[in-house]
Amino acid sequence: MTDYDLVVLGSGPGGQKAAIAAAKLGKRVCIVDRRDMVGGVCVNTGTIPSKTLREAVLYLTGRSQREVYGASYRVKQDITVQDLLAHTKHVVGREIEVVRAQLLRNHVELLAGTGRFTDPHTIAVDGSERGEHGTVSADKVVIATGTRPARPPHVQFDNFRVVDSDGVLGLEKIPDTMVVVGAGVIGIEYASMFAALGSRVTVVEKRDQMLEFCDPEIVESLKFHLRDLAVTFRFGEEVKQVETGVAGTVTALASGKRIPAETVMYSAGRQGATEDLALDKAGLSADQRGRISVDKHYRTEVEHIYAVGDVIGFPALASTSMDQGRLAAHHAFGEPAAELTALQPIGIYTIPEASYCGCTESELTGESVPYEVGVARYRELARGQIVGDPYGMLKLLVSTQTRQLLGVHVFGTGATDLVHIGQAVMGCGGTVDYLVNTVFNYPTLSEAYKVAALDVTNKMRTVERFSA
């Protein structure tokens, strides 16, 4: 007889949903995680604090209203780190309370400590107050330990002048100058935030472009706005070393360039948090990035052990992790479960933000799929004028053969919310005609869908007229 039907390692989005889904099935469930990490990386150092920080930056700098009140408008003149983190601490604390309440309501035991395998069915909980031996056993196990920032071995991180994406939240002051190494999603998000605060930011990226998975027009718009915030890009450059001194840092590039800055933030990808799990005791292994391989049901090579969330790699999003956890629990206990659809939105919380769902133009062109593009500019929408966003845009990619939506790309205010309208239409196999004949609230940014739909249908009609 085991202690639990299911033990979940990690209380982030994937772990939470796996535990709650199993509890809903009437199973005995326990989550193991550190006392100071309830809610996982998502709540404590990742998604929630970074997005809350972004909202604080937008509000305190007055950037979202400068088109209305002028370029010099600012809610607070001398913004401090304490100003930025005040709301962040409140939100993080509230989210932790929500997680605890949900687990308690569903009778999921939360065991504080660090879990590691002693055999395939037994977990030792280091730092636990439970019993003499601090171990629990389970019929099924879900690994949802998430990731941590990868730290290149040749860089000396001091959490003061040289930080990673976790340490950046602990800076004592807003730096006047900053180097961000890595132009992935996390790096660009933080680069845009600090640039909006007035820091002179240099982004160093060894690849020739950034966010290559996004629509090129959206990326160019984002680069334009970041350059307008005094961000300098160094593409095709690799960091050789980072020197630290009393006054700050000097980032030496392989090309010979040397970039002085108060602070360097490394965003060099993420590493699976599996090194302390003693996976070998369970008959498991991880790759060099600490990631665990799973099948389509999130089952590892050991039949009763599952893994979900960032620790299994792409897409490594809080949104997908939640559903992975739920589905893993259902599969573990033989509950029928539909698989996740391939149509999933991507959100980039830069300033301004961007989001997309479906195909990009380059993908459709590469696959020889005939399509047409419809565009709506926020500056042509009444709501765009009201919120002071003249640069936002929405693009629809529409099949010229079936008239179905193939992709939606949004840039500007509310992009990560607006994208879901297009996702819903695409998921239901809807055509552009649905958007043309649908009434949207006025004035709203959602009206961009109707404007873009009319734009693309007019273009397709013109082609038909010229072909007749």
Protein backbone atom coordinates (compact mmCIF):
# COMPACT_ATOMS: atom_id res chain seq x y z
CA MET A 1 0.00 0.00 0.00
CA THR A 2 1.53 3.32 -1.09
CA ASP A 3 1.07 6.64 0.69
CA TYR A 4 -0.51 8.27 -2.35
CA ASP A 5 -2.01 7.42 -5.70
CA LEU A 6 -0.03 10.33 -7.18
CA VAL A 7 2.95 12.38 -6.06
CA VAL A 8 3.70 15.50 -8.10
CA LEU A 9 7.18 17.01 -8.00
CA GLY A 10 6.76 20.75 -8.48
CA SER A 11 3.88 23.15 -7.82
CA GLY A 12 4.06 25.27 -10.98
CA PRO A 13 1.22 25.42 -13.54
CA GLY A 14 1.80 21.87 -14.81
CA GLY A 15 2.13 20.36 -11.35
CA GLN A 16 -0.89 22.19 -9.97
CA LYS A 17 -3.19 21.06 -12.76
CA ALA A 18 -1.92 17.47 -12.65
CA ALA A 19 -2.56 17.29 -8.91
CA ILE A 20 -5.99 18.89 -9.08
CA ALA A 21 -7.08 16.75 -12.05
CA ALA A 22 -6.11 13.58 -10.17
CA ALA A 23 -7.87 14.83 -7.04
CA LYS A 24 -11.03 15.42 -9.09
CA LEU A 25 -10.83 11.75 -10.05
CA GLY A 26 -10.93 10.84 -6.36
CA LYS A 27 -7.23 10.02 -6.02
CA ARG A 28 -4.94 10.59 -3.00
CA VAL A 29 -2.56 13.29 -4.15
CA CYS A 30 0.50 15.07 -2.77
CA ILE A 31 2.64 17.87 -4.21
CA VAL A 32 6.28 18.21 -3.16
CA ASP A 33 7.95 21.60 -3.52
CA ARG A 34 10.10 24.03 -1.57
CA ARG A 35 8.28 26.22 0.92
CA ASP A 36 9.54 29.36 -0.82
CA MET A 37 8.54 28.15 -4.31
CA VAL A 38 4.82 27.43 -3.99
CA GLY A 39 3.43 28.19 -7.45
CA GLY A 40 6.74 27.30 -9.06
CA VAL A 41 8.99 29.47 -11.19
CA CYS A 42 5.91 30.84 -12.97
CA VAL A 43 4.58 32.59 -9.86
CA ASN A 44 7.81 33.39 -8.03
CA THR A 45 10.50 34.38 -10.54
CA GLY A 46 9.11 33.98 -14.05
CA THR A 47 5.84 34.71 -15.80
CA ILE A 48 3.85 36.46 -13.07
CA PRO A 49 6.52 38.83 -11.68
CA SER A 50 7.90 39.74 -15.11
CA LYS A 51 4.46 40.53 -16.56
CA THR A 52 3.46 42.48 -13.45
CA LEU A 53 6.73 44.39 -13.70
CA ARG A 54 5.87 45.24 -17.29
CA GLU A 55 2.51 46.69 -16.26
CA ALA A 56 4.22 48.77 -13.57
CA VAL A 57 6.68 50.11 -16.16
CA LEU A 58 3.87 51.01 -18.56
CA TYR A 59 1.91 52.81 -15.86
CA LEU A 60 4.69 54.65 -14.01
CA THR A 61 6.43 55.86 -17.17
CA GLY A 62 3.11 56.99 -18.64
CA ARG A 63 4.24 55.45 -21.91
CA SER A 64 0.82 54.09 -22.80
CA GLN A 65 -0.68 57.60 -22.67
CA ARG A 66 2.05 59.72 -24.24
CA GLU A 67 0.20 60.00 -27.54
CA VAL A 68 -2.65 61.55 -25.58
CA TYR A 69 -0.78 63.77 -23.11
CA GLY A 70 2.51 64.42 -24.90
CA ALA A 71 5.98 62.86 -25.11
CA SER A 72 7.07 64.31 -21.75
CA TYR A 73 4.13 62.85 -19.82
CA ARG A 74 5.16 60.66 -16.88
CA VAL A 75 3.16 59.45 -13.88
CA LYS A 76 6.27 59.47 -11.64
CA GLN A 77 9.47 61.32 -12.41
CA ASP A 78 12.00 59.38 -10.34
CA ILE A 79 11.02 55.73 -10.60
CA THR A 80 12.78 53.37 -8.19
CA VAL A 81 13.07 49.60 -8.02
CA GLN A 82 10.84 49.74 -4.94
CA ASP A 83 8.15 51.49 -7.00
CA LEU A 84 8.32 48.77 -9.63
CA LEU A 85 8.29 45.84 -7.23
CA ALA A 86 5.57 47.07 -4.87
CA HIS A 87 2.74 45.78 -7.06
CA THR A 88 4.78 42.75 -8.11
CA LYS A 89 5.17 41.58 -4.51
CA HIS A 90 1.44 42.02 -3.93
CA VAL A 91 0.49 40.05 -7.04
CA VAL A 92 2.97 37.24 -6.33
CA GLY A 93 1.74 36.96 -2.74
CA ARG A 94 -1.86 36.84 -3.90
CA GLU A 95 -1.12 34.18 -6.51
CA ILE A 96 0.60 32.01 -3.91
CA GLU A 97 -2.52 32.29 -1.75
CA VAL A 98 -4.67 31.28 -4.73
CA VAL A 99 -2.50 28.21 -5.41
CA ARG A 100 -2.61 27.13 -1.77
CA ALA A 101 -6.38 27.63 -1.61
CA GLN A 102 -6.98 25.60 -4.79
CA LEU A 103 -4.86 22.71 -3.50
CA LEU A 104 -6.55 22.80 -0.09
CA ARG A 105 -10.02 22.94 -1.63
CA ASN A 106 -9.24 19.85 -3.71
CA HIS A 107 -7.67 17.99 -0.75
CA VAL A 108 -4.19 17.96 -2.27
CA GLU A 109 -1.50 17.79 0.41
CA LEU A 110 1.37 20.24 -0.06
CA LEU A 111 4.59 18.82 1.35
CA ALA A 112 7.36 21.40 1.80
CA GLY A 113 10.83 20.23 0.82
CA THR A 114 12.99 19.13 -2.10
CA GLY A 115 12.03 15.80 -3.63
CA ARG A 116 14.39 13.17 -5.01
CA PHE A 117 13.89 9.56 -6.04
CA THR A 118 15.16 6.73 -3.87
CA ASP A 119 13.48 4.15 -6.11
CA PRO A 120 10.86 4.34 -8.91
CA HIS A 121 7.96 4.60 -6.45
CA THR A 122 9.56 6.39 -3.50
CA ILE A 123 10.41 10.07 -3.03
CA ALA A 124 12.67 11.36 -0.27
CA VAL A 125 11.67 14.86 0.76
CA ASP A 126 14.73 16.74 2.00
CA GLY A 127 13.89 19.45 4.50
CA SER A 128 10.51 17.93 5.19
CA GLU A 129 8.90 17.91 8.62
CA ARG A 130 7.07 14.71 7.77
CA GLY A 131 8.03 11.67 9.81
CA GLU A 132 11.36 10.19 10.73
CA HIS A 133 12.56 9.30 7.27
CA GLY A 134 10.90 12.07 5.22
CA THR A 135 9.83 9.77 2.39
CA VAL A 136 6.57 9.23 0.52
CA SER A 137 5.57 6.51 -1.89
CA ALA A 138 3.15 6.63 -4.80
CA ASP A 139 1.63 4.49 -7.52
CA LYS A 140 2.15 7.26 -10.07
CA VAL A 141 4.57 10.19 -10.23
CA VAL A 142 4.43 13.41 -12.28
CA ILE A 143 7.66 15.40 -12.66
CA ALA A 144 6.89 19.10 -13.08
CA THR A 145 10.01 20.74 -11.69
CA GLY A 146 10.32 23.35 -14.44
CA THR A 147 13.54 25.06 -15.45
CA ARG A 148 16.10 27.57 -14.25
CA PRO A 149 18.14 30.10 -16.23
CA ALA A 150 21.12 28.52 -17.99
CA ARG A 151 24.43 30.02 -16.85
CA PRO A 152 27.43 29.77 -19.20
CA PRO A 153 30.42 28.44 -17.22
CA HIS A 154 32.78 31.18 -18.46
CA VAL A 155 30.63 33.97 -16.96
CA GLN A 156 30.92 34.94 -13.29
CA PHE A 157 27.42 35.77 -12.03
CA ASP A 158 27.39 37.90 -8.88
CA ASN A 159 23.64 38.76 -8.72
CA PHE A 160 24.67 42.41 -8.55
CA ARG A 161 26.32 43.53 -11.77
CA VAL A 162 26.04 40.26 -13.73
CA VAL A 163 22.62 38.64 -13.39
CA ASP A 164 20.32 36.15 -15.09
CA SER A 165 16.57 36.54 -15.69
CA ASP A 166 15.87 35.52 -12.08
CA GLY A 167 18.46 37.86 -10.57
CA VAL A 168 17.25 40.86 -12.57
CA LEU A 169 14.26 41.06 -10.23
CA GLY A 170 16.67 41.63 -7.34
CA LEU A 171 18.52 44.65 -8.76
CA GLU A 172 18.92 47.44 -6.20
CA LYS A 173 18.57 50.26 -8.73
CA ILE A 174 17.53 50.84 -12.31
CA PRO A 175 20.80 50.84 -14.29
CA ASP A 176 21.63 53.76 -16.56
CA THR A 177 23.24 51.34 -19.01
CA MET A 178 22.63 47.64 -19.55
CA VAL A 179 23.78 44.81 -21.80
CA VAL A 180 21.28 42.04 -22.48
CA VAL A 181 22.89 38.88 -23.82
CA GLY A 182 20.38 36.90 -25.85
CA ALA A 183 17.55 38.19 -28.06
CA GLY A 184 15.08 35.42 -27.28
CA VAL A 185 11.65 36.13 -25.81
CA ILE A 186 12.84 36.69 -22.22
CA GLY A 187 15.83 38.81 -23.23
CA ILE A 188 13.81 41.07 -25.52
CA GLU A 189 11.01 41.42 -22.96
CA TYR A 190 13.41 42.68 -20.28
CA ALA A 191 15.35 44.80 -22.78
CA SER A 192 12.14 46.63 -23.71
CA MET A 193 11.16 47.16 -20.06
CA PHE A 194 14.48 48.68 -19.02
CA ALA A 195 14.64 50.76 -22.19
CA ALA A 196 11.18 52.14 -21.41
CA LEU A 197 12.50 53.09 -17.96
CA GLY A 198 15.28 55.10 -19.59
CA SER A 199 18.18 52.64 -19.46
CA ARG A 200 20.46 52.64 -22.51
CA VAL A 201 20.27 48.98 -23.52
CA THR A 202 22.53 47.02 -25.86
CA VAL A 203 21.26 43.62 -27.02
CA VAL A 204 23.92 41.09 -28.05
CA GLU A 205 22.73 38.10 -30.06
CA LYS A 206 24.91 35.51 -31.80
CA ARG A 207 22.22 34.80 -34.39
CA ASP A 208 21.60 37.16 -37.30
CA GLN A 209 18.08 38.06 -36.24
CA MET A 210 15.71 37.90 -33.28
CA LEU A 211 12.42 36.08 -32.79
CA GLU A 212 12.84 34.31 -36.12
CA PHE A 213 9.68 32.27 -35.49
CA CYS A 214 7.54 35.44 -35.67
CA ASP A 215 6.17 37.34 -38.63
CA PRO A 216 9.04 39.43 -40.09
CA GLU A 217 6.87 42.55 -40.39
CA ILE A 218 5.92 42.32 -36.70
CA VAL A 219 9.57 41.80 -35.73
CA GLU A 220 10.64 44.82 -37.79
CA SER A 221 7.96 46.94 -36.13
CA LEU A 222 9.18 45.81 -32.71
CA LYS A 223 12.82 46.54 -33.60
CA PHE A 224 11.84 50.01 -34.82
CA HIS A 225 10.14 50.82 -31.52
CA LEU A 226 12.99 49.40 -29.47
CA ARG A 227 15.49 51.47 -31.42
CA ASP A 228 13.24 54.46 -30.76
CA LEU A 229 13.75 53.65 -27.06
CA ALA A 230 17.53 53.86 -27.67
CA VAL A 231 18.11 50.10 -27.80
CA THR A 232 21.22 49.11 -29.77
CA PHE A 233 21.36 45.70 -31.44
CA ARG A 234 24.54 43.69 -31.99
CA PHE A 235 23.49 40.72 -34.13
CA GLY A 236 25.95 38.02 -35.21
CA GLU A 237 28.08 38.73 -32.16
CA GLU A 238 29.19 36.32 -29.43
CA VAL A 239 30.26 37.22 -25.90
CA LYS A 240 33.82 36.20 -25.12
CA GLN A 241 33.88 37.32 -21.50
CA VAL A 242 32.38 39.78 -19.03
CA GLU A 243 34.74 41.82 -16.88
CA THR A 244 33.48 43.41 -13.66
CA GLY A 245 34.91 46.37 -11.79
CA VAL A 246 33.98 48.98 -9.23
CA ALA A 247 32.19 51.20 -11.75
CA GLY A 248 30.43 48.44 -13.68
CA THR A 249 31.09 45.85 -16.37
CA VAL A 250 32.76 45.54 -19.76
CA THR A 251 31.36 42.92 -22.14
CA ALA A 252 34.06 41.71 -24.53
CA LEU A 253 32.79 40.30 -27.83
CA ALA A 254 34.57 37.76 -30.00
CA SER A 255 34.79 40.41 -32.74
CA GLY A 256 36.91 42.62 -30.49
CA LYS A 257 34.18 45.07 -29.50
CA ARG A 258 34.00 46.09 -25.83
CA ILE A 259 30.73 47.35 -24.37
CA PRO A 260 30.72 49.16 -21.01
CA ALA A 261 27.57 48.99 -18.88
CA GLU A 262 26.46 49.14 -15.26
CA THR A 263 24.68 45.78 -15.52
CA VAL A 264 24.76 42.69 -17.72
CA MET A 265 21.71 40.43 -17.92
CA TYR A 266 22.19 36.98 -19.42
CA SER A 267 19.25 35.35 -21.13
CA ALA A 268 20.97 32.25 -22.48
CA GLY A 269 18.05 29.86 -22.48
CA ARG A 270 16.70 27.62 -19.74
CA GLN A 271 17.99 24.45 -18.09
CA GLY A 272 15.68 21.69 -16.83
CA ALA A 273 15.63 21.58 -13.01
CA THR A 274 16.40 17.87 -12.79
CA GLU A 275 19.90 17.72 -11.32
CA ASP A 276 18.66 17.15 -7.76
CA LEU A 277 16.01 14.54 -8.57
CA ALA A 278 18.34 11.50 -8.58
CA LEU A 279 16.64 10.38 -11.79
CA ASP A 280 18.92 7.33 -12.07
CA LYS A 281 17.31 5.87 -8.95
CA ALA A 282 14.02 5.87 -10.84
CA GLY A 283 15.51 4.47 -14.04
CA LEU A 284 15.33 7.83 -15.81
CA SER A 285 17.79 10.20 -17.45
CA ALA A 286 17.80 13.76 -18.77
CA ASP A 287 19.54 15.27 -21.79
CA GLN A 288 22.34 17.84 -21.57
CA ARG A 289 19.76 20.61 -21.12
CA GLY A 290 18.18 18.76 -18.20
CA ARG A 291 15.05 17.86 -20.19
CA ILE A 292 13.13 14.61 -19.88
CA SER A 293 11.75 12.77 -22.91
CA VAL A 294 8.08 11.79 -22.94
CA ASP A 295 5.63 10.21 -25.37
CA LYS A 296 2.41 11.82 -26.63
CA HIS A 297 0.71 10.98 -23.32
CA TYR A 298 3.55 12.63 -21.32
CA ARG A 299 4.75 9.23 -20.09
CA THR A 300 8.49 8.82 -19.56
CA GLU A 301 10.47 5.67 -20.31
CA VAL A 302 9.33 4.39 -16.90
CA GLU A 303 5.69 3.37 -17.28
CA HIS A 304 4.22 4.95 -14.14
CA ILE A 305 6.25 8.19 -14.22
CA TYR A 306 5.08 11.20 -16.25
CA ALA A 307 6.65 14.61 -16.93
CA VAL A 308 5.03 17.88 -17.98
CA GLY A 309 5.79 21.56 -18.46
CA ASP A 310 9.08 23.27 -19.18
CA VAL A 311 11.08 20.25 -18.01
CA ILE A 312 10.05 18.37 -21.19
CA GLY A 313 11.04 21.24 -23.50
CA PHE A 314 9.10 22.96 -26.28
CA PRO A 315 6.82 24.87 -26.15
CA ALA A 316 7.68 25.55 -22.47
CA LEU A 317 4.75 27.89 -21.84
CA ALA A 318 2.69 28.22 -18.66
CA SER A 319 -0.47 27.94 -20.75
CA THR A 320 0.46 24.63 -22.38
CA SER A 321 1.98 23.28 -19.15
CA MET A 322 -1.40 23.54 -17.43
CA ASP A 323 -3.10 21.36 -20.02
CA GLN A 324 -0.17 18.95 -20.13
CA GLY A 325 -0.53 18.41 -16.39
CA ARG A 326 -4.26 17.80 -16.65
CA LEU A 327 -3.85 15.37 -19.54
CA ALA A 328 -0.97 13.50 -17.87
CA ALA A 329 -3.12 12.87 -14.79
CA HIS A 330 -5.99 11.63 -16.94
CA HIS A 331 -3.73 9.30 -18.91
CA ALA A 332 -2.07 8.03 -15.71
CA PHE A 333 -5.40 6.89 -14.30
CA GLY A 334 -7.02 5.69 -17.50
CA GLU A 335 -9.39 8.63 -17.87
CA PRO A 336 -10.40 9.44 -21.49
CA ALA A 337 -8.69 12.63 -22.65
CA ALA A 338 -8.58 14.59 -25.89
CA GLU A 339 -5.15 15.72 -27.01
CA LEU A 340 -4.15 19.37 -27.23
CA THR A 341 -4.82 20.98 -30.57
CA ALA A 342 -1.84 22.06 -32.63
CA LEU A 343 -3.29 25.58 -32.85
CA GLN A 344 -1.73 27.41 -29.92
CA PRO A 345 -1.10 31.14 -29.44
CA ILE A 346 2.31 32.64 -28.77
CA GLY A 347 2.52 35.82 -26.68
CA ILE A 348 5.57 38.10 -26.37
CA TYR A 349 5.19 40.62 -23.54
CA THR A 350 7.52 43.28 -24.85
CA ILE A 351 6.76 47.01 -24.91
CA PRO A 352 4.83 47.04 -27.25
CA GLU A 353 3.58 43.45 -27.03
CA ALA A 354 3.14 41.00 -29.90
CA SER A 355 1.23 37.77 -30.38
CA TYR A 356 0.33 35.34 -33.12
CA CYS A 357 -1.47 32.10 -33.84
CA GLY A 358 -1.35 29.83 -36.87
CA CYS A 359 0.95 30.13 -39.85
CA THR A 360 3.40 32.85 -40.83
CA GLU A 361 3.76 34.22 -44.35
CA SER A 362 7.12 32.51 -44.81
CA GLU A 363 5.64 29.14 -43.82
CA LEU A 364 2.76 29.48 -46.27
CA THR A 365 5.09 30.63 -49.04
CA GLY A 366 7.47 27.74 -48.37
CA GLU A 367 4.59 25.27 -48.60
CA SER A 368 3.19 26.94 -51.76
CA VAL A 369 -0.12 27.72 -50.09
CA PRO A 370 -1.96 30.56 -51.90
CA TYR A 371 -3.03 33.28 -49.44
CA GLU A 372 -3.88 36.94 -49.17
CA VAL A 373 -3.16 39.41 -46.37
CA GLY A 374 -5.60 41.74 -44.64
CA VAL A 375 -4.26 44.53 -42.40
CA ALA A 376 -5.85 46.82 -39.84
CA ARG A 377 -3.92 49.72 -38.28
CA TYR A 378 -4.78 50.86 -34.78
CA ARG A 379 -4.41 54.49 -35.89
CA GLU A 380 -7.48 53.96 -38.10
CA LEU A 381 -9.57 52.66 -35.19
CA ALA A 382 -11.38 54.99 -32.82
CA ARG A 383 -10.24 52.84 -29.89
CA GLY A 384 -6.65 53.07 -31.07
CA GLN A 385 -6.90 56.86 -30.80
CA ILE A 386 -8.57 56.65 -27.39
CA VAL A 387 -5.86 54.43 -25.86
CA GLY A 388 -3.09 56.38 -27.56
CA ASP A 389 -1.68 53.57 -29.70
CA PRO A 390 -1.02 54.78 -33.27
CA TYR A 391 1.44 52.04 -34.20
CA GLY A 392 -0.47 48.83 -33.42
CA MET A 393 -1.59 46.53 -36.20
CA LEU A 394 -3.40 43.27 -36.91
CA LYS A 395 -2.72 40.98 -39.87
CA LEU A 396 -4.93 38.19 -41.15
CA LEU A 397 -3.61 35.51 -43.49
CA VAL A 398 -6.48 34.02 -45.49
CA SER A 399 -6.58 31.13 -47.96
CA THR A 400 -7.61 32.38 -51.39
CA GLN A 401 -9.06 28.94 -52.15
CA THR A 402 -11.14 28.15 -49.05
CA ARG A 403 -11.31 31.66 -47.49
CA GLN A 404 -10.34 30.10 -44.16
CA LEU A 405 -8.13 31.94 -41.68
CA LEU A 406 -4.60 30.53 -41.76
CA GLY A 407 -2.89 32.89 -39.34
CA VAL A 408 -3.38 35.99 -37.22
CA HIS A 409 -0.57 38.32 -36.12
CA VAL A 410 -1.06 41.23 -33.73
CA PHE A 411 1.30 43.99 -32.59
CA GLY A 412 0.52 46.66 -30.03
CA THR A 413 -1.88 47.22 -27.13
CA GLY A 414 -3.81 44.11 -26.08
CA ALA A 415 -2.12 41.86 -28.66
CA THR A 416 -1.94 38.84 -26.35
CA ASP A 417 -5.68 39.09 -25.67
CA LEU A 418 -6.83 39.96 -29.18
CA VAL A 419 -5.12 36.95 -30.74
CA HIS A 420 -7.64 34.60 -29.15
CA ILE A 421 -10.46 35.82 -31.40
CA GLY A 422 -8.54 34.67 -34.44
CA GLN A 423 -7.54 31.46 -32.67
CA ALA A 424 -11.20 30.64 -31.98
CA VAL A 425 -12.26 31.31 -35.57
CA MET A 426 -9.39 29.21 -36.96
CA GLY A 427 -10.03 26.41 -34.46
CA CYS A 428 -13.63 26.16 -35.65
CA GLY A 429 -12.62 26.18 -39.30
CA GLY A 430 -14.17 29.62 -39.80
CA THR A 431 -13.74 31.75 -42.88
CA VAL A 432 -13.00 35.43 -43.32
CA ASP A 433 -16.68 35.89 -44.19
CA TYR A 434 -17.60 35.22 -40.56
CA LEU A 435 -15.52 38.23 -39.50
CA VAL A 436 -16.94 40.39 -42.29
CA ASN A 437 -20.52 39.65 -41.25
CA THR A 438 -19.97 39.80 -37.47
CA VAL A 439 -20.79 42.90 -35.43
CA PHE A 440 -18.07 43.95 -32.98
CA ASN A 441 -18.51 46.35 -30.09
CA TYR A 442 -17.57 49.91 -31.02
CA PRO A 443 -15.18 51.43 -30.19
CA THR A 444 -12.89 48.45 -29.47
CA LEU A 445 -9.55 47.14 -30.66
CA SER A 446 -11.37 43.91 -31.60
CA GLU A 447 -12.89 45.87 -34.46
CA ALA A 448 -9.49 45.43 -36.12
CA TYR A 449 -10.63 41.95 -37.14
CA LYS A 450 -13.50 43.36 -39.19
CA VAL A 451 -11.31 46.03 -40.78
CA ALA A 452 -8.64 43.46 -41.71
CA ALA A 453 -11.31 41.03 -42.96
CA LEU A 454 -12.81 43.69 -45.23
CA ASP A 455 -9.32 44.59 -46.45
CA VAL A 456 -8.46 41.03 -47.45
CA THR A 457 -11.83 40.33 -49.08
CA ASN A 458 -11.50 43.49 -51.16
CA LYS A 459 -8.06 42.35 -52.30
CA MET A 460 -9.36 38.91 -53.25
CA ARG A 461 -12.30 40.48 -55.06
CA THR A 462 -9.91 42.65 -57.07
CA VAL A 463 -7.90 39.60 -58.14
CA GLU A 464 -11.11 37.84 -59.22
CA ARG A 465 -12.23 40.89 -61.20
CA PHE A 466 -8.90 41.19 -63.01
CA SER A 467 -8.89 37.43 -63.71
CA ALA A 468 -12.37 37.42 -65.22
